[in-house]
Amino acid sequence: MGLLGAAHVLVDPDLTAGYETDWTGAFTGRATAVARPGSTDEVAAVLRVCAAHGVPVVPQGGNTGLVGGSVPAGAAIGAVVLSLRRLTAIEPVDAAAGLVTAGAGATLADVQAHARAAGLDSGVDLAARDSATLGGIAATNAGGERVLRHGMTRGQVAGLEAVLADGRVVRRLTGLPKDNVGYDLPALFVGSEGTL
């Protein structure tokens, strides 16, 4: 995994421990390594290498889940944990469309602050906002405190960019509320919990 550099491929048990246990402490396992890519291209490269060698991958955002889905537990012990925490970019708010594009590792709190500076807000909110990341929120189709008013995360995602298990990148970032060209990739990926 020289493609990320030694600083972003962790194998020392003292460094990987925080990625191997979920927030509750109830779910834990051992990872072969923790890969911390900083771009979509790096995510794709890690997934290509893992696919070529038959190594399972456990994607991980802020690791705030309560059911063990983001740690190498059970059949996934020995997997590579793919930490998306470095994907923190947040683009300027498109106030006219009410949209912002942000990386999977951006925390909900950072996106909320960014949107609020433009006079808008996020339709999703939850108690773990300071550590929960957009990738994890989307992967679990989180509801949170505003779900009755604004709906689940799926209804808040206008587009996305995703990397498939074989390293191919798919993009649907039109941001159009009515877009019937092809499959609705955001609806497919949001709530998939890393299975795609």
Protein backbone atom coordinates (compact mmCIF):
# COMPACT_ATOMS: atom_id res chain seq x y z
CA MET A 1 0.00 0.00 0.00
CA GLY A 2 2.82 2.33 -0.86
CA LEU A 3 0.34 4.33 -2.93
CA LEU A 4 -0.85 6.26 0.17
CA GLY A 5 2.49 6.62 1.91
CA ALA A 6 3.48 5.08 5.22
CA ALA A 7 1.73 7.81 7.23
CA HIS A 8 -1.64 6.79 5.81
CA VAL A 9 -1.38 3.00 5.94
CA LEU A 10 -1.45 1.96 9.57
CA VAL A 11 -0.41 -1.54 10.67
CA ASP A 12 0.89 -0.94 14.20
CA PRO A 13 -1.73 -2.31 16.66
CA ASP A 14 -1.36 0.79 18.84
CA LEU A 15 -2.38 2.95 15.85
CA THR A 16 -5.10 0.69 14.43
CA ALA A 17 -6.87 0.06 17.76
CA GLY A 18 -9.10 3.14 17.49
CA TYR A 19 -10.39 1.94 14.12
CA GLU A 20 -11.08 -1.63 15.30
CA THR A 21 -13.70 -0.95 17.98
CA ASP A 22 -17.00 0.85 17.47
CA TRP A 23 -18.29 3.75 19.55
CA THR A 24 -20.17 1.47 21.96
CA GLY A 25 -17.15 -0.73 22.62
CA ALA A 26 -19.36 -3.78 22.04
CA PHE A 27 -18.03 -4.60 18.56
CA THR A 28 -14.37 -5.14 17.88
CA GLY A 29 -12.06 -7.05 15.57
CA ARG A 30 -8.57 -7.03 14.16
CA ALA A 31 -7.72 -5.27 10.89
CA THR A 32 -4.87 -6.25 8.59
CA ALA A 33 -4.30 -2.53 8.02
CA VAL A 34 -6.05 0.82 8.13
CA ALA A 35 -5.88 2.74 4.85
CA ARG A 36 -6.53 6.49 5.06
CA PRO A 37 -6.92 7.85 1.51
CA GLY A 38 -7.11 11.59 0.91
CA SER A 39 -8.88 11.63 -2.46
CA THR A 40 -11.33 9.68 -4.61
CA ASP A 41 -8.42 8.48 -6.74
CA GLU A 42 -6.68 7.11 -3.66
CA VAL A 43 -9.88 5.37 -2.50
CA ALA A 44 -10.17 3.78 -5.94
CA ALA A 45 -6.53 2.67 -5.88
CA VAL A 46 -6.89 1.03 -2.45
CA LEU A 47 -10.04 -0.79 -3.56
CA ARG A 48 -8.38 -2.00 -6.77
CA VAL A 49 -5.46 -3.45 -4.79
CA CYS A 50 -7.73 -5.10 -2.23
CA ALA A 51 -9.99 -6.55 -4.96
CA ALA A 52 -7.01 -7.90 -6.88
CA HIS A 53 -5.78 -9.73 -3.76
CA GLY A 54 -9.19 -10.81 -2.45
CA VAL A 55 -8.83 -8.75 0.73
CA PRO A 56 -12.12 -7.71 2.35
CA VAL A 57 -12.64 -4.00 3.02
CA VAL A 58 -14.64 -2.34 5.79
CA PRO A 59 -15.41 1.32 4.96
CA GLN A 60 -15.42 3.61 7.98
CA GLY A 61 -16.50 7.21 8.53
CA GLY A 62 -16.57 8.75 11.99
CA ASN A 63 -17.05 5.32 13.60
CA THR A 64 -20.03 6.60 15.58
CA GLY A 65 -22.34 3.73 14.64
CA LEU A 66 -23.98 1.61 17.32
CA VAL A 67 -24.21 -1.77 15.56
CA GLY A 68 -20.62 -2.65 14.59
CA GLY A 69 -20.96 -2.03 10.86
CA SER A 70 -17.81 0.06 10.58
CA VAL A 71 -15.33 -2.26 12.29
CA PRO A 72 -13.72 -5.54 11.17
CA ALA A 73 -15.89 -7.85 13.26
CA GLY A 74 -17.14 -11.36 12.51
CA ALA A 75 -16.38 -12.50 8.97
CA ALA A 76 -14.59 -9.21 8.26
CA ILE A 77 -11.79 -9.83 10.81
CA GLY A 78 -8.52 -9.37 8.94
CA ALA A 79 -10.05 -6.86 6.54
CA VAL A 80 -8.53 -3.54 5.57
CA VAL A 81 -10.38 -0.70 7.27
CA LEU A 82 -10.87 2.06 4.71
CA SER A 83 -11.05 5.22 6.82
CA LEU A 84 -12.62 8.09 4.91
CA ARG A 85 -11.89 10.71 7.59
CA ARG A 86 -9.38 12.58 5.40
CA LEU A 87 -12.01 13.31 2.72
CA THR A 88 -13.07 16.56 4.39
CA ALA A 89 -13.38 19.00 1.50
CA ILE A 90 -16.48 21.22 1.50
CA GLU A 91 -17.19 23.25 -1.62
CA PRO A 92 -18.89 26.66 -1.66
CA VAL A 93 -22.63 26.65 -0.99
CA ASP A 94 -24.85 27.07 -4.03
CA ALA A 95 -27.41 29.28 -2.28
CA ALA A 96 -29.74 29.47 -5.29
CA ALA A 97 -30.04 25.67 -5.47
CA GLY A 98 -29.72 25.14 -1.71
CA LEU A 99 -26.90 22.65 -2.25
CA VAL A 100 -23.39 22.01 -1.03
CA THR A 101 -20.94 19.33 -2.14
CA ALA A 102 -18.86 17.83 0.65
CA GLY A 103 -16.51 14.90 1.12
CA ALA A 104 -17.44 11.67 2.86
CA GLY A 105 -15.14 12.52 5.79
CA ALA A 106 -16.60 15.97 6.48
CA THR A 107 -18.39 16.01 9.82
CA LEU A 108 -22.02 16.99 10.01
CA ALA A 109 -21.09 19.89 12.33
CA ASP A 110 -18.64 21.30 9.78
CA VAL A 111 -21.21 21.07 6.99
CA GLN A 112 -23.86 22.70 9.20
CA ALA A 113 -21.53 25.59 10.07
CA HIS A 114 -20.64 26.01 6.39
CA ALA A 115 -24.31 26.05 5.33
CA ARG A 116 -25.32 28.39 8.16
CA ALA A 117 -22.67 30.90 7.07
CA ALA A 118 -24.61 31.07 3.77
CA GLY A 119 -27.97 31.46 5.54
CA LEU A 120 -29.00 27.81 5.09
CA ASP A 121 -28.92 24.67 7.22
CA SER A 122 -28.80 20.91 6.91
CA GLY A 123 -32.02 18.91 6.94
CA VAL A 124 -30.26 16.17 8.93
CA ASP A 125 -29.07 16.61 12.50
CA LEU A 126 -28.04 14.14 15.18
CA ALA A 127 -26.28 14.14 18.52
CA ALA A 128 -23.01 12.80 17.10
CA ARG A 129 -22.77 15.79 14.71
CA ASP A 130 -19.23 16.66 15.82
CA SER A 131 -17.81 13.24 14.85
CA ALA A 132 -20.35 11.65 12.50
CA THR A 133 -19.26 12.01 8.89
CA LEU A 134 -21.38 12.55 5.79
CA GLY A 135 -20.25 9.25 4.30
CA GLY A 136 -21.46 7.31 7.32
CA ILE A 137 -24.65 9.35 7.56
CA ALA A 138 -25.40 8.62 3.92
CA ALA A 139 -24.35 4.97 4.17
CA THR A 140 -26.80 4.37 7.02
CA ASN A 141 -29.57 6.66 5.69
CA ALA A 142 -29.58 8.35 9.10
CA GLY A 143 -32.71 10.06 10.34
CA GLY A 144 -31.79 12.05 13.40
CA GLU A 145 -33.57 14.85 15.21
CA ARG A 146 -35.17 16.50 12.17
CA VAL A 147 -36.48 13.39 10.44
CA LEU A 148 -40.17 14.19 10.92
CA ARG A 149 -39.78 17.60 9.31
CA HIS A 150 -37.14 16.94 6.63
CA GLY A 151 -37.11 13.17 6.13
CA MET A 152 -34.27 10.68 6.10
CA THR A 153 -30.85 11.37 4.61
CA ARG A 154 -31.85 9.78 1.28
CA GLY A 155 -34.16 12.73 0.66
CA GLN A 156 -31.36 15.21 1.37
CA VAL A 157 -28.79 13.79 -1.07
CA ALA A 158 -29.10 15.34 -4.53
CA GLY A 159 -26.03 13.64 -5.98
CA LEU A 160 -22.97 11.63 -5.09
CA GLU A 161 -19.67 10.19 -6.14
CA ALA A 162 -18.94 6.61 -5.08
CA VAL A 163 -16.18 4.09 -5.56
CA LEU A 164 -17.28 0.53 -6.27
CA ALA A 165 -15.59 -2.52 -4.73
CA ASP A 166 -13.46 -3.06 -7.84
CA GLY A 167 -12.18 0.55 -7.80
CA ARG A 168 -14.44 1.97 -10.51
CA VAL A 169 -15.78 5.46 -9.76
CA VAL A 170 -19.41 6.37 -10.44
CA ARG A 171 -20.63 9.96 -10.31
CA ARG A 172 -24.04 11.54 -10.29
CA LEU A 173 -23.52 15.14 -9.20
CA THR A 174 -26.06 17.01 -11.32
CA GLY A 175 -27.82 18.40 -8.26
CA LEU A 176 -31.07 18.65 -10.18
CA PRO A 177 -34.21 17.93 -8.17
CA LYS A 178 -35.83 16.39 -11.27
CA ASP A 179 -33.32 14.27 -13.11
CA ASN A 180 -34.65 11.15 -14.81
CA VAL A 181 -31.56 10.39 -16.89
CA GLY A 182 -30.49 6.89 -15.95
CA TYR A 183 -30.58 5.21 -12.57
CA ASP A 184 -31.08 7.20 -9.38
CA LEU A 185 -27.64 6.46 -7.94
CA PRO A 186 -28.09 8.51 -4.77
CA ALA A 187 -31.23 6.54 -3.86
CA LEU A 188 -29.38 3.29 -4.55
CA PHE A 189 -26.25 4.09 -2.54
CA VAL A 190 -27.77 5.96 0.40
CA GLY A 191 -28.59 3.31 2.99
CA SER A 192 -26.46 0.61 1.36
CA GLU A 193 -24.05 0.58 4.34
CA GLY A 194 -20.98 -0.12 2.23
CA THR A 195 -22.40 -3.21 0.52
CA LEU A 196 -22.01 -1.74 -2.96
